[in-house]
Protein backbone atom coordinates (compact mmCIF):
# COMPACT_ATOMS: atom_id res chain seq x y z
CA MET A 1 3.69 -26.50 18.22
CA LYS A 2 0.90 -23.99 17.52
CA ILE A 3 1.11 -22.69 21.08
CA LEU A 4 4.84 -22.08 20.75
CA LEU A 5 4.39 -20.19 17.50
CA LEU A 6 1.71 -17.94 18.88
CA THR A 7 3.79 -17.14 21.94
CA PHE A 8 6.16 -15.08 19.81
CA CYS A 9 3.38 -13.05 18.15
CA PHE A 10 1.34 -10.16 19.47
CA ILE A 11 -1.73 -12.09 20.54
CA PHE A 12 -5.16 -10.67 21.26
CA ILE A 13 -7.66 -13.00 22.90
CA THR A 14 -11.11 -11.98 21.75
CA SER A 15 -14.64 -12.73 22.85
CA PHE A 16 -15.79 -16.15 23.98
CA THR A 17 -18.71 -17.97 22.38
CA PHE A 18 -19.80 -21.41 23.61
CA GLY A 19 -16.40 -21.93 25.22
CA GLN A 20 -14.40 -21.07 22.07
CA VAL A 21 -11.39 -18.75 22.27
CA CYS A 22 -10.24 -16.68 19.26
CA ALA A 23 -6.59 -15.67 18.99
CA VAL A 24 -5.78 -12.91 16.48
CA SER A 25 -2.20 -11.78 16.03
CA ASN A 26 -0.26 -9.44 13.81
CA ASP A 27 2.90 -11.33 12.89
CA LYS A 28 5.03 -8.16 13.24
CA ASN A 29 3.58 -5.94 15.98
CA ASN A 30 0.44 -5.01 17.90
CA TYR A 31 -0.87 -2.44 15.42
CA LEU A 32 -1.42 -2.13 11.68
CA TYR A 33 0.30 0.18 9.21
CA ARG A 34 -1.91 2.01 6.79
CA GLY A 35 -1.60 1.19 3.09
CA ILE A 36 0.72 -1.83 3.31
CA GLU A 37 0.33 -5.59 3.73
CA ASN A 38 0.20 -6.58 7.40
CA PRO A 39 0.56 -10.37 7.93
CA MET A 40 -2.03 -11.79 10.32
CA SER A 41 -2.53 -15.14 12.04
CA ILE A 42 -5.97 -16.20 13.27
CA ALA A 43 -6.89 -19.33 15.23
CA VAL A 44 -10.00 -20.49 17.06
CA SER A 45 -9.97 -23.23 19.68
CA GLY A 46 -11.84 -26.31 18.54
CA VAL A 47 -12.32 -25.02 14.98
CA LYS A 48 -10.28 -26.10 11.97
CA PRO A 49 -8.60 -23.18 10.14
CA GLU A 50 -10.45 -24.00 6.90
CA LYS A 51 -13.75 -23.56 8.78
CA ILE A 52 -12.93 -19.97 9.77
CA TYR A 53 -14.26 -17.01 7.80
CA VAL A 54 -12.87 -13.53 8.50
CA THR A 55 -13.84 -9.97 7.56
CA ALA A 56 -12.44 -6.61 8.66
CA THR A 57 -13.64 -3.01 8.74
CA ASN A 58 -11.77 -0.11 7.08
CA SER A 59 -9.43 -2.45 5.27
CA ILE A 60 -8.88 -5.13 2.65
CA MET A 61 -8.57 -8.65 4.07
CA GLU A 62 -6.87 -11.20 1.82
CA TYR A 63 -6.89 -14.92 2.56
CA LYS A 64 -3.49 -16.59 2.02
CA ARG A 65 -3.86 -20.07 3.49
CA PRO A 66 -5.67 -21.63 6.47
CA GLY A 67 -5.04 -19.43 9.50
CA ARG A 68 -2.98 -16.84 7.61
CA TYR A 69 -4.17 -13.55 6.12
CA ILE A 70 -2.94 -10.24 4.75
CA LEU A 71 -4.66 -7.08 5.96
CA ILE A 72 -4.27 -3.68 4.28
CA PRO A 73 -5.84 -0.74 6.17
CA SER A 74 -7.48 1.72 3.79
CA GLN A 75 -6.36 5.28 3.18
CA GLY A 76 -8.37 7.84 5.10
CA THR A 77 -8.83 9.04 8.66
CA GLU A 78 -10.03 5.84 10.33
CA ARG A 79 -7.84 4.90 13.27
CA LYS A 80 -9.14 1.41 14.02
CA VAL A 81 -9.70 -1.94 12.32
CA VAL A 82 -12.20 -4.44 13.73
CA ILE A 83 -11.61 -8.04 12.66
CA LEU A 84 -14.74 -10.19 12.79
CA ILE A 85 -14.33 -13.97 13.03
CA TYR A 86 -16.96 -16.47 11.92
CA GLU A 87 -17.25 -20.24 11.99
CA ILE A 88 -18.56 -21.88 8.84
CA ARG A 89 -21.14 -24.47 9.84
CA LYS A 90 -23.35 -26.75 7.78
CA LYS A 91 -26.24 -24.37 7.25
CA ASP A 92 -24.96 -21.08 8.58
CA THR A 93 -21.99 -18.81 9.32
CA VAL A 94 -21.85 -17.86 13.00
CA GLU A 95 -19.87 -14.95 14.47
CA ILE A 96 -17.67 -16.29 17.25
CA GLY A 97 -15.33 -13.43 18.03
CA TYR A 98 -13.70 -10.15 17.11
CA SER A 99 -10.49 -8.21 17.69
CA GLU A 100 -9.52 -4.55 17.36
CA PHE A 101 -6.23 -3.08 16.13
CA ARG A 102 -5.24 0.56 15.90
CA ILE A 103 -3.99 1.96 12.59
CA GLU A 104 -0.61 3.67 12.48
CA GLU A 105 0.76 5.85 9.70
CA LEU A 106 3.98 4.83 7.98
CA PRO A 107 7.05 6.65 9.32
CA ASP A 108 8.49 9.57 7.38
CA PRO A 109 11.25 8.80 4.88
CA ILE A 110 14.89 9.76 5.36
CA ALA A 111 17.08 10.78 2.44
CA PHE A 112 20.68 9.61 2.01
CA VAL A 113 23.59 10.31 -0.31
CA TYR A 114 26.46 7.83 -0.18
CA GLY A 115 24.99 6.37 3.01
CA LYS A 116 24.93 9.69 4.86
CA THR A 117 22.14 12.05 5.83
CA GLY A 118 21.78 15.56 7.23
CA SER A 119 24.70 17.98 6.85
CA PHE A 120 28.13 16.51 6.10
CA TYR A 121 31.36 16.73 4.08
CA LEU A 122 31.97 14.39 1.17
CA GLN A 123 34.64 13.85 -1.44
CA LYS A 124 33.65 14.91 -4.95
CA GLY A 125 34.28 11.44 -6.37
CA LYS A 126 31.96 9.85 -3.82
CA LEU A 127 29.21 12.35 -4.59
CA ILE A 128 29.53 11.54 -8.29
CA ASP A 129 29.53 7.79 -7.57
CA ALA A 130 26.38 8.16 -5.48
CA SER A 131 24.61 9.22 -8.70
CA GLY A 132 21.48 10.32 -6.84
CA ILE A 133 19.40 10.19 -3.68
CA ILE A 134 18.36 7.08 -1.75
CA ALA A 135 15.23 7.11 0.43
CA ARG A 136 14.69 4.67 3.29
CA LEU A 137 12.46 4.06 6.29
CA GLU A 138 14.89 3.77 9.18
CA ASN A 139 14.32 1.13 11.90
CA PHE A 140 11.14 -0.06 10.22
CA GLU A 141 10.12 -3.66 10.92
CA TYR A 142 8.78 -4.33 7.44
CA GLU A 143 10.85 -4.73 4.29
CA LEU A 144 9.27 -1.82 2.45
CA MET A 145 11.14 -0.21 -0.44
CA VAL A 146 10.49 3.47 -1.16
CA LEU A 147 11.96 5.54 -3.98
CA ALA A 148 12.64 9.26 -4.38
CA LYS A 149 10.46 10.57 -7.21
CA SER A 150 11.91 14.07 -7.50
CA PHE A 151 14.23 16.53 -5.78
CA GLU A 152 15.98 19.88 -6.23
CA MET A 153 19.66 20.76 -5.98
CA THR A 154 20.73 24.28 -5.06
CA THR A 155 24.31 25.53 -5.26
CA ARG A 156 26.28 28.67 -6.06
CA LEU A 157 27.57 29.04 -9.61
CA ASN A 158 29.36 32.15 -10.94
CA ASN A 159 28.42 34.08 -7.80
CA GLU A 160 24.72 33.26 -8.22
CA TYR A 161 22.55 30.65 -6.59
CA ILE A 162 20.87 28.26 -9.00
CA THR A 163 18.36 25.48 -8.46
CA LEU A 164 18.02 22.44 -10.70
CA LYS A 165 15.31 19.78 -10.50
CA SER A 166 15.40 16.05 -11.10
CA GLU A 167 12.19 14.19 -11.91
CA ASN A 168 13.47 10.90 -10.46
CA ASN A 169 16.03 9.76 -7.87
CA LYS A 170 19.09 10.38 -10.09
CA PHE A 171 21.28 13.42 -10.63
CA THR A 172 20.54 15.03 -13.98
CA LYS A 173 23.29 15.61 -16.57
CA GLU A 174 23.26 19.30 -15.65
CA MET A 175 23.67 18.48 -11.95
CA LEU A 176 26.56 16.10 -12.64
CA ALA A 177 28.29 18.66 -14.87
CA ILE A 178 28.20 21.22 -12.05
CA ILE A 179 29.41 18.68 -9.47
CA VAL A 180 32.29 17.55 -11.71
CA ASN A 181 33.54 21.14 -12.11
CA ALA A 182 32.93 22.20 -8.50
CA GLN A 183 35.80 23.23 -6.25
CA LYS A 184 36.61 22.10 -2.72
CA GLY A 185 34.29 23.78 -0.23
CA THR A 186 31.37 24.03 -2.65
CA CYS A 187 28.08 23.43 -0.89
CA PHE A 188 25.17 21.52 -2.44
CA ILE A 189 21.71 21.59 -0.88
CA PHE A 190 19.24 18.87 -1.85
CA GLN A 191 15.70 19.88 -0.97
CA ASN A 192 12.01 19.32 -1.73
CA ILE A 193 12.70 15.58 -1.87
CA ILE A 194 9.48 13.75 -2.74
CA VAL A 195 9.27 10.02 -2.01
CA GLY A 196 6.75 7.58 -3.47
CA TYR A 197 4.73 5.61 -0.92
CA PRO A 198 2.30 2.67 -1.21
CA GLU A 199 -1.04 3.11 -2.96
CA ASN A 200 0.25 5.99 -5.12
CA THR A 201 0.77 8.33 -2.19
CA GLU A 202 3.76 10.61 -1.61
CA ARG A 203 5.74 12.03 1.29
CA ARG A 204 8.12 14.96 1.43
CA VAL A 205 11.37 14.38 3.30
CA ARG A 206 11.59 16.62 6.33
CA GLY A 207 14.63 18.86 6.15
CA ASN A 208 17.37 19.02 3.54
CA LEU A 209 20.61 17.30 2.67
CA GLN A 210 23.55 19.70 2.82
CA ILE A 211 26.79 18.39 1.33
CA THR A 212 30.08 20.29 1.29
CA LEU A 213 32.91 19.03 -0.90
CA GLU A 214 36.05 18.05 0.99
């Protein structure tokens, strides 16, 4: 059964010591994302999981249960994690293998209003119902929730362009008042969208949302 489970993971066979083989796998892919929990599976031939001790460079390694770990690469410029595997013996701890993984940055966020992104037309009622901006990581293999922390809305009012700012992911009362009274064809530009990321970091959404009322 263990062989079947490992077949569906990204397996890295590491160094051999006294005939032992170490298999280290990321349960999602063959690299590690910086700043988030990456599930890992580690097994050594001929060694019980509870007799394995593991450390890792440039990261936090958290033991979950025998053979299963969580690895969080640290913030910084390091591009590689080295996982060192030891066997716990009666009087000593002996290194029996290692494995290397590259560190990847999280993808940039994408902003949505009413399930749409980019430049598009939208009914006024749907824009009001949206109530704010949603941020997501598209086609990302982990279930990672991100949230817009602030954004600006620019539109034309009384022949002048005005910009309002929200300090969260919701339209402010002033924004909603302008949207409610806007006419068909009015354009709203949502820009400078800041999204909260793991470990108290932030990302700015590339590009703007441009919505024209139908």
